[in-house]
Amino acid sequence: GLVQPGGSLRLSCTASGRTFSIYTMGWYRQAPGNQ
């Protein structure tokens, strides 16, 4: 969502499957024009 500088957000990612615990989980980001 939209937040002011200095503010906070919490992202959540819920997965299907019964083998979730075996994976390394990560968060990536991509801004316009960037990798």
PDB file of all heavy atoms in Angstrom:
ATOM      1  N   GLY A   1       0.811  -1.199   0.000  1.00  0.00           N
ATOM      2  CA  GLY A   1       0.000   0.000   0.000  1.00  0.00           C
ATOM      3  C   GLY A   1       0.845   1.249   0.000  1.00  0.00           C
ATOM      4  O   GLY A   1       2.047   1.215  -0.266  1.00  0.00           O
ATOM      5  N   LEU A   2       0.192   2.367   0.304  1.00  0.00           N
ATOM      6  CA  LEU A   2       0.831   3.677   0.359  1.00  0.00           C
ATOM      7  C   LEU A   2       1.088   4.060   1.806  1.00  0.00           C
ATOM      8  O   LEU A   2       0.188   3.966   2.649  1.00  0.00           O
ATOM      9  CB  LEU A   2      -0.067   4.721  -0.305  1.00  0.00           C
ATOM     10  CG  LEU A   2       0.377   6.177  -0.227  1.00  0.00           C
ATOM     11  CD1 LEU A   2       1.676   6.387  -0.989  1.00  0.00           C
ATOM     12  CD2 LEU A   2      -0.718   7.082  -0.767  1.00  0.00           C
ATOM     13  N   VAL A   3       2.304   4.496   2.091  1.00  0.00           N
ATOM     14  CA  VAL A   3       2.676   4.891   3.441  1.00  0.00           C
ATOM     15  C   VAL A   3       3.608   6.097   3.374  1.00  0.00           C
ATOM     16  O   VAL A   3       4.351   6.266   2.403  1.00  0.00           O
ATOM     17  CB  VAL A   3       3.333   3.711   4.190  1.00  0.00           C
ATOM     18  CG1 VAL A   3       4.665   3.341   3.556  1.00  0.00           C
ATOM     19  CG2 VAL A   3       3.497   4.016   5.666  1.00  0.00           C
ATOM     20  N   GLN A   4       3.571   6.941   4.395  1.00  0.00           N
ATOM     21  CA  GLN A   4       4.457   8.098   4.467  1.00  0.00           C
ATOM     22  C   GLN A   4       5.861   7.690   4.872  1.00  0.00           C
ATOM     23  O   GLN A   4       6.059   6.663   5.526  1.00  0.00           O
ATOM     24  CB  GLN A   4       3.914   9.117   5.471  1.00  0.00           C
ATOM     25  CG  GLN A   4       2.592   9.736   5.084  1.00  0.00           C
ATOM     26  CD  GLN A   4       2.128  10.781   6.075  1.00  0.00           C
ATOM     27  OE1 GLN A   4       2.867  11.168   6.984  1.00  0.00           O
ATOM     28  NE2 GLN A   4       0.908  11.250   5.911  1.00  0.00           N
ATOM     29  N   PRO A   5       6.870   8.469   4.482  1.00  0.00           N
ATOM     30  CA  PRO A   5       8.224   8.190   4.962  1.00  0.00           C
ATOM     31  C   PRO A   5       8.258   8.094   6.476  1.00  0.00           C
ATOM     32  O   PRO A   5       7.635   8.887   7.182  1.00  0.00           O
ATOM     33  CB  PRO A   5       9.036   9.380   4.459  1.00  0.00           C
ATOM     34  CG  PRO A   5       8.298   9.836   3.243  1.00  0.00           C
ATOM     35  CD  PRO A   5       6.835   9.612   3.558  1.00  0.00           C
ATOM     36  N   GLY A   6       8.991   7.105   6.975  1.00  0.00           N
ATOM     37  CA  GLY A   6       9.046   6.839   8.397  1.00  0.00           C
ATOM     38  C   GLY A   6       7.981   5.890   8.900  1.00  0.00           C
ATOM     39  O   GLY A   6       8.051   5.452  10.056  1.00  0.00           O
ATOM     40  N   GLY A   7       7.022   5.559   8.060  1.00  0.00           N
ATOM     41  CA  GLY A   7       5.947   4.667   8.438  1.00  0.00           C
ATOM     42  C   GLY A   7       6.319   3.207   8.317  1.00  0.00           C
ATOM     43  O   GLY A   7       7.459   2.852   8.005  1.00  0.00           O
ATOM     44  N   SER A   8       5.324   2.344   8.547  1.00  0.00           N
ATOM     45  CA  SER A   8       5.539   0.900   8.566  1.00  0.00           C
ATOM     46  C   SER A   8       4.477   0.174   7.762  1.00  0.00           C
ATOM     47  O   SER A   8       3.340   0.630   7.645  1.00  0.00           O
ATOM     48  CB  SER A   8       5.502   0.373  10.003  1.00  0.00           C
ATOM     49  OG  SER A   8       6.537   0.921  10.796  1.00  0.00           O
ATOM     50  N   LEU A   9       4.866  -0.966   7.226  1.00  0.00           N
ATOM     51  CA  LEU A   9       3.966  -1.903   6.579  1.00  0.00           C
ATOM     52  C   LEU A   9       4.424  -3.312   6.913  1.00  0.00           C
ATOM     53  O   LEU A   9       5.613  -3.538   7.156  1.00  0.00           O
ATOM     54  CB  LEU A   9       3.955  -1.739   5.061  1.00  0.00           C
ATOM     55  CG  LEU A   9       3.267  -0.523   4.455  1.00  0.00           C
ATOM     56  CD1 LEU A   9       3.552  -0.475   2.955  1.00  0.00           C
ATOM     57  CD2 LEU A   9       1.766  -0.565   4.701  1.00  0.00           C
ATOM     58  N   ARG A  10       3.492  -4.256   6.899  1.00  0.00           N
ATOM     59  CA  ARG A  10       3.827  -5.662   7.029  1.00  0.00           C
ATOM     60  C   ARG A  10       3.271  -6.426   5.840  1.00  0.00           C
ATOM     61  O   ARG A  10       2.056  -6.445   5.610  1.00  0.00           O
ATOM     62  CB  ARG A  10       3.279  -6.268   8.327  1.00  0.00           C
ATOM     63  CG  ARG A  10       3.779  -7.709   8.552  1.00  0.00           C
ATOM     64  CD  ARG A  10       3.264  -8.333   9.822  1.00  0.00           C
ATOM     65  NE  ARG A  10       1.848  -8.669   9.723  1.00  0.00           N
ATOM     66  CZ  ARG A  10       1.197  -9.440  10.593  1.00  0.00           C
ATOM     67  NH1 ARG A  10       1.848  -9.936  11.644  1.00  0.00           N
ATOM     68  NH2 ARG A  10      -0.091  -9.678  10.437  1.00  0.00           N
ATOM     69  N   LEU A  11       4.165  -7.059   5.084  1.00  0.00           N
ATOM     70  CA  LEU A  11       3.779  -7.896   3.963  1.00  0.00           C
ATOM     71  C   LEU A  11       3.610  -9.334   4.421  1.00  0.00           C
ATOM     72  O   LEU A  11       4.367  -9.821   5.266  1.00  0.00           O
ATOM     73  CB  LEU A  11       4.831  -7.847   2.856  1.00  0.00           C
ATOM     74  CG  LEU A  11       5.217  -6.467   2.329  1.00  0.00           C
ATOM     75  CD1 LEU A  11       6.206  -6.613   1.177  1.00  0.00           C
ATOM     76  CD2 LEU A  11       3.997  -5.677   1.897  1.00  0.00           C
ATOM     77  N   SER A  12       2.630 -10.017   3.849  1.00  0.00           N
ATOM     78  CA  SER A  12       2.392 -11.423   4.133  1.00  0.00           C
ATOM     79  C   SER A  12       2.348 -12.201   2.832  1.00  0.00           C
ATOM     80  O   SER A  12       1.865 -11.707   1.814  1.00  0.00           O
ATOM     81  CB  SER A  12       1.071 -11.625   4.879  1.00  0.00           C
ATOM     82  OG  SER A  12       1.079 -10.982   6.134  1.00  0.00           O
ATOM     83  N   CYS A  13       2.828 -13.427   2.878  1.00  0.00           N
ATOM     84  CA  CYS A  13       2.809 -14.323   1.730  1.00  0.00           C
ATOM     85  C   CYS A  13       2.418 -15.698   2.235  1.00  0.00           C
ATOM     86  O   CYS A  13       3.169 -16.316   2.995  1.00  0.00           O
ATOM     87  CB  CYS A  13       4.177 -14.353   1.053  1.00  0.00           C
ATOM     88  SG  CYS A  13       4.335 -15.541  -0.290  1.00  0.00           S
ATOM     89  N   THR A  14       1.253 -16.157   1.833  1.00  0.00           N
ATOM     90  CA  THR A  14       0.732 -17.450   2.256  1.00  0.00           C
ATOM     91  C   THR A  14       0.782 -18.419   1.086  1.00  0.00           C
ATOM     92  O   THR A  14       0.327 -18.104  -0.011  1.00  0.00           O
ATOM     93  CB  THR A  14      -0.700 -17.324   2.783  1.00  0.00           C
ATOM     94  OG1 THR A  14      -0.710 -16.464   3.931  1.00  0.00           O
ATOM     95  CG2 THR A  14      -1.242 -18.686   3.203  1.00  0.00           C
ATOM     96  N   ALA A  15       1.324 -19.604   1.329  1.00  0.00           N
ATOM     97  CA  ALA A  15       1.585 -20.573   0.279  1.00  0.00           C
ATOM     98  C   ALA A  15       0.687 -21.793   0.400  1.00  0.00           C
ATOM     99  O   ALA A  15       0.280 -22.182   1.500  1.00  0.00           O
ATOM    100  CB  ALA A  15       3.040 -21.022   0.321  1.00  0.00           C
ATOM    101  N   SER A  16       0.416 -22.395  -0.738  1.00  0.00           N
ATOM    102  CA  SER A  16      -0.215 -23.702  -0.778  1.00  0.00           C
ATOM    103  C   SER A  16       0.850 -24.784  -0.620  1.00  0.00           C
ATOM    104  O   SER A  16       2.051 -24.513  -0.677  1.00  0.00           O
ATOM    105  CB  SER A  16      -0.964 -23.889  -2.093  1.00  0.00           C
ATOM    106  OG  SER A  16      -0.071 -23.876  -3.197  1.00  0.00           O
ATOM    107  N   GLY A  17       0.419 -26.010  -0.431  1.00  0.00           N
ATOM    108  CA  GLY A  17       1.337 -27.124  -0.353  1.00  0.00           C
ATOM    109  C   GLY A  17       1.641 -27.558   1.068  1.00  0.00           C
ATOM    110  O   GLY A  17       1.485 -26.789   2.023  1.00  0.00           O
ATOM    111  N   ARG A  18       2.122 -28.781   1.194  1.00  0.00           N
ATOM    112  CA  ARG A  18       2.422 -29.367   2.494  1.00  0.00           C
ATOM    113  C   ARG A  18       3.909 -29.408   2.812  1.00  0.00           C
ATOM    114  O   ARG A  18       4.293 -29.892   3.871  1.00  0.00           O
ATOM    115  CB  ARG A  18       1.852 -30.783   2.559  1.00  0.00           C
ATOM    116  CG  ARG A  18       0.346 -30.860   2.452  1.00  0.00           C
ATOM    117  CD  ARG A  18      -0.136 -32.291   2.522  1.00  0.00           C
ATOM    118  NE  ARG A  18      -1.585 -32.373   2.397  1.00  0.00           N
ATOM    119  CZ  ARG A  18      -2.428 -32.329   3.414  1.00  0.00           C
ATOM    120  NH1 ARG A  18      -1.972 -32.194   4.645  1.00  0.00           N
ATOM    121  NH2 ARG A  18      -3.730 -32.413   3.204  1.00  0.00           N
ATOM    122  N   THR A  19       4.762 -28.914   1.904  1.00  0.00           N
ATOM    123  CA  THR A  19       6.201 -28.955   2.088  1.00  0.00           C
ATOM    124  C   THR A  19       6.803 -27.573   2.254  1.00  0.00           C
ATOM    125  O   THR A  19       7.983 -27.372   1.996  1.00  0.00           O
ATOM    126  CB  THR A  19       6.879 -29.680   0.912  1.00  0.00           C
ATOM    127  OG1 THR A  19       6.546 -29.029  -0.313  1.00  0.00           O
ATOM    128  CG2 THR A  19       6.439 -31.134   0.867  1.00  0.00           C
ATOM    129  N   PHE A  20       6.015 -26.610   2.719  1.00  0.00           N
ATOM    130  CA  PHE A  20       6.467 -25.236   2.886  1.00  0.00           C
ATOM    131  C   PHE A  20       7.733 -25.142   3.726  1.00  0.00           C
ATOM    132  O   PHE A  20       8.631 -24.346   3.432  1.00  0.00           O
ATOM    133  CB  PHE A  20       5.344 -24.414   3.523  1.00  0.00           C
ATOM    134  CG  PHE A  20       5.692 -22.983   3.786  1.00  0.00           C
ATOM    135  CD1 PHE A  20       5.537 -22.024   2.798  1.00  0.00           C
ATOM    136  CD2 PHE A  20       6.168 -22.583   5.025  1.00  0.00           C
ATOM    137  CE1 PHE A  20       5.835 -20.694   3.036  1.00  0.00           C
ATOM    138  CE2 PHE A  20       6.472 -21.261   5.281  1.00  0.00           C
ATOM    139  CZ  PHE A  20       6.308 -20.316   4.282  1.00  0.00           C
ATOM    140  N   SER A  21       7.830 -25.950   4.758  1.00  0.00           N
ATOM    141  CA  SER A  21       8.909 -25.822   5.723  1.00  0.00           C
ATOM    142  C   SER A  21      10.288 -26.142   5.166  1.00  0.00           C
ATOM    143  O   SER A  21      11.293 -25.774   5.776  1.00  0.00           O
ATOM    144  CB  SER A  21       8.635 -26.712   6.946  1.00  0.00           C
ATOM    145  OG  SER A  21       8.593 -28.074   6.577  1.00  0.00           O
ATOM    146  N   ILE A  22      10.380 -26.812   4.026  1.00  0.00           N
ATOM    147  CA  ILE A  22      11.678 -27.201   3.481  1.00  0.00           C
ATOM    148  C   ILE A  22      12.327 -26.099   2.654  1.00  0.00           C
ATOM    149  O   ILE A  22      13.507 -26.208   2.304  1.00  0.00           O
ATOM    150  CB  ILE A  22      11.581 -28.485   2.630  1.00  0.00           C
ATOM    151  CG1 ILE A  22      10.895 -28.213   1.287  1.00  0.00           C
ATOM    152  CG2 ILE A  22      10.867 -29.585   3.403  1.00  0.00           C
ATOM    153  CD1 ILE A  22      10.925 -29.395   0.336  1.00  0.00           C
ATOM    154  N   TYR A  23      11.593 -25.058   2.324  1.00  0.00           N
ATOM    155  CA  TYR A  23      12.088 -24.033   1.411  1.00  0.00           C
ATOM    156  C   TYR A  23      12.725 -22.865   2.146  1.00  0.00           C
ATOM    157  O   TYR A  23      12.299 -22.482   3.235  1.00  0.00           O
ATOM    158  CB  TYR A  23      10.953 -23.491   0.534  1.00  0.00           C
ATOM    159  CG  TYR A  23      10.361 -24.518  -0.388  1.00  0.00           C
ATOM    160  CD1 TYR A  23       9.135 -25.111  -0.092  1.00  0.00           C
ATOM    161  CD2 TYR A  23      11.016 -24.885  -1.556  1.00  0.00           C
ATOM    162  CE1 TYR A  23       8.590 -26.056  -0.944  1.00  0.00           C
ATOM    163  CE2 TYR A  23      10.470 -25.827  -2.405  1.00  0.00           C
ATOM    164  CZ  TYR A  23       9.260 -26.407  -2.102  1.00  0.00           C
ATOM    165  OH  TYR A  23       8.716 -27.342  -2.945  1.00  0.00           O
ATOM    166  N   THR A  24      13.751 -22.299   1.519  1.00  0.00           N
ATOM    167  CA  THR A  24      14.166 -20.953   1.860  1.00  0.00           C
ATOM    168  C   THR A  24      13.153 -19.979   1.269  1.00  0.00           C
ATOM    169  O   THR A  24      12.824 -20.073   0.083  1.00  0.00           O
ATOM    170  CB  THR A  24      15.562 -20.644   1.313  1.00  0.00           C
ATOM    171  OG1 THR A  24      16.518 -21.473   1.974  1.00  0.00           O
ATOM    172  CG2 THR A  24      15.932 -19.187   1.545  1.00  0.00           C
ATOM    173  N   MET A  25      12.657 -19.070   2.099  1.00  0.00           N
ATOM    174  CA  MET A  25      11.668 -18.088   1.674  1.00  0.00           C
ATOM    175  C   MET A  25      12.315 -16.713   1.614  1.00  0.00           C
ATOM    176  O   MET A  25      13.106 -16.353   2.489  1.00  0.00           O
ATOM    177  CB  MET A  25      10.480 -18.058   2.625  1.00  0.00           C
ATOM    178  CG  MET A  25       9.755 -19.391   2.755  1.00  0.00           C
ATOM    179  SD  MET A  25       9.043 -19.951   1.180  1.00  0.00           S
ATOM    180  CE  MET A  25       7.930 -18.581   0.810  1.00  0.00           C
ATOM    181  N   GLY A  26      11.971 -15.961   0.592  1.00  0.00           N
ATOM    182  CA  GLY A  26      12.566 -14.650   0.433  1.00  0.00           C
ATOM    183  C   GLY A  26      11.586 -13.611  -0.062  1.00  0.00           C
ATOM    184  O   GLY A  26      10.517 -13.934  -0.591  1.00  0.00           O
ATOM    185  N   TRP A  27      11.968 -12.358   0.156  1.00  0.00           N
ATOM    186  CA  TRP A  27      11.277 -11.216  -0.426  1.00  0.00           C
ATOM    187  C   TRP A  27      12.239 -10.490  -1.356  1.00  0.00           C
ATOM    188  O   TRP A  27      13.370 -10.165  -0.970  1.00  0.00           O
ATOM    189  CB  TRP A  27      10.771 -10.251   0.650  1.00  0.00           C
ATOM    190  CG  TRP A  27       9.608 -10.773   1.428  1.00  0.00           C
ATOM    191  CD1 TRP A  27       9.640 -11.401   2.636  1.00  0.00           C
ATOM    192  CD2 TRP A  27       8.234 -10.707   1.039  1.00  0.00           C
ATOM    193  NE1 TRP A  27       8.368 -11.729   3.031  1.00  0.00           N
ATOM    194  CE2 TRP A  27       7.481 -11.320   2.069  1.00  0.00           C
ATOM    195  CE3 TRP A  27       7.569 -10.198  -0.072  1.00  0.00           C
ATOM    196  CZ2 TRP A  27       6.093 -11.429   2.019  1.00  0.00           C
ATOM    197  CZ3 TRP A  27       6.184 -10.306  -0.120  1.00  0.00           C
ATOM    198  CH2 TRP A  27       5.470 -10.915   0.916  1.00  0.00           C
ATOM    199  N   TYR A  28      11.793 -10.263  -2.578  1.00  0.00           N
ATOM    200  CA  TYR A  28      12.517  -9.496  -3.580  1.00  0.00           C
ATOM    201  C   TYR A  28      11.715  -8.252  -3.920  1.00  0.00           C
ATOM    202  O   TYR A  28      10.506  -8.197  -3.682  1.00  0.00           O
ATOM    203  CB  TYR A  28      12.733 -10.321  -4.851  1.00  0.00           C
ATOM    204  CG  TYR A  28      13.699 -11.474  -4.705  1.00  0.00           C
ATOM    205  CD1 TYR A  28      13.375 -12.600  -3.959  1.00  0.00           C
ATOM    206  CD2 TYR A  28      14.944 -11.444  -5.341  1.00  0.00           C
ATOM    207  CE1 TYR A  28      14.254 -13.663  -3.837  1.00  0.00           C
ATOM    208  CE2 TYR A  28      15.824 -12.505  -5.234  1.00  0.00           C
ATOM    209  CZ  TYR A  28      15.475 -13.611  -4.480  1.00  0.00           C
ATOM    210  OH  TYR A  28      16.358 -14.666  -4.369  1.00  0.00           O
ATOM    211  N   ARG A  29      12.386  -7.258  -4.496  1.00  0.00           N
ATOM    212  CA  ARG A  29      11.672  -6.074  -4.930  1.00  0.00           C
ATOM    213  C   ARG A  29      12.237  -5.572  -6.250  1.00  0.00           C
ATOM    214  O   ARG A  29      13.403  -5.797  -6.574  1.00  0.00           O
ATOM    215  CB  ARG A  29      11.713  -4.958  -3.882  1.00  0.00           C
ATOM    216  CG  ARG A  29      13.090  -4.367  -3.633  1.00  0.00           C
ATOM    217  CD  ARG A  29      13.043  -3.394  -2.465  1.00  0.00           C
ATOM    218  NE  ARG A  29      14.344  -2.802  -2.196  1.00  0.00           N
ATOM    219  CZ  ARG A  29      14.617  -2.043  -1.139  1.00  0.00           C
ATOM    220  NH1 ARG A  29      13.662  -1.783  -0.245  1.00  0.00           N
ATOM    221  NH2 ARG A  29      15.835  -1.539  -0.982  1.00  0.00           N
ATOM    222  N   GLN A  30      11.388  -4.885  -6.999  1.00  0.00           N
ATOM    223  CA  GLN A  30      11.781  -4.325  -8.279  1.00  0.00           C
ATOM    224  C   GLN A  30      11.105  -2.979  -8.460  1.00  0.00           C
ATOM    225  O   GLN A  30       9.882  -2.887  -8.463  1.00  0.00           O
ATOM    226  CB  GLN A  30      11.417  -5.256  -9.431  1.00  0.00           C
ATOM    227  CG  GLN A  30      11.945  -4.806 -10.778  1.00  0.00           C
ATOM    228  CD  GLN A  30      11.832  -5.887 -11.831  1.00  0.00           C
ATOM    229  OE1 GLN A  30      11.016  -6.803 -11.708  1.00  0.00           O
ATOM    230  NE2 GLN A  30      12.652  -5.801 -12.865  1.00  0.00           N
ATOM    231  N   ALA A  31      11.911  -1.939  -8.597  1.00  0.00           N
ATOM    232  CA  ALA A  31      11.429  -0.601  -8.883  1.00  0.00           C
ATOM    233  C   ALA A  31      11.486  -0.359 -10.388  1.00  0.00           C
ATOM    234  O   ALA A  31      12.279  -1.001 -11.093  1.00  0.00           O
ATOM    235  CB  ALA A  31      12.263   0.435  -8.145  1.00  0.00           C
ATOM    236  N   PRO A  32      10.680   0.567 -10.911  1.00  0.00           N
ATOM    237  CA  PRO A  32      10.702   0.843 -12.348  1.00  0.00           C
ATOM    238  C   PRO A  32      12.098   1.187 -12.841  1.00  0.00           C
ATOM    239  O   PRO A  32      12.794   2.021 -12.253  1.00  0.00           O
ATOM    240  CB  PRO A  32       9.748   2.027 -12.498  1.00  0.00           C
ATOM    241  CG  PRO A  32       8.803   1.885 -11.347  1.00  0.00           C
ATOM    242  CD  PRO A  32       9.645   1.350 -10.214  1.00  0.00           C
ATOM    243  N   GLY A  33      12.526   0.527 -13.910  1.00  0.00           N
ATOM    244  CA  GLY A  33      13.838   0.763 -14.479  1.00  0.00           C
ATOM    245  C   GLY A  33      14.979   0.060 -13.790  1.00  0.00           C
ATOM    246  O   GLY A  33      16.124   0.167 -14.251  1.00  0.00           O
ATOM    247  N   ASN A  34      14.705  -0.646 -12.698  1.00  0.00           N
ATOM    248  CA  ASN A  34      15.747  -1.332 -11.944  1.00  0.00           C
ATOM    249  C   ASN A  34      15.611  -2.843 -12.060  1.00  0.00           C
ATOM    250  O   ASN A  34      14.552  -3.366 -12.399  1.00  0.00           O
ATOM    251  CB  ASN A  34      15.691  -0.938 -10.466  1.00  0.00           C
ATOM    252  CG  ASN A  34      16.057   0.506 -10.223  1.00  0.00           C
ATOM    253  OD1 ASN A  34      16.654   1.159 -11.076  1.00  0.00           O
ATOM    254  ND2 ASN A  34      15.700   1.012  -9.056  1.00  0.00           N
ATOM    255  N   GLN A  35      16.693  -3.542 -11.745  1.00  0.00           N
ATOM    256  CA  GLN A  35      16.660  -4.996 -11.679  1.00  0.00           C
ATOM    257  C   GLN A  35      16.005  -5.451 -10.380  1.00  0.00           C
ATOM    258  O   GLN A  35      16.005  -4.728  -9.381  1.00  0.00           O
ATOM    259  CB  GLN A  35      18.072  -5.568 -11.771  1.00  0.00           C
ATOM    260  CG  GLN A  35      18.750  -5.363 -13.114  1.00  0.00           C
ATOM    261  CD  GLN A  35      20.092  -6.050 -13.186  1.00  0.00           C
ATOM    262  OE1 GLN A  35      20.841  -6.085 -12.208  1.00  0.00           O
ATOM    263  NE2 GLN A  35      20.406  -6.610 -14.348  1.00  0.00           N
TER     264      GLN A  35
END
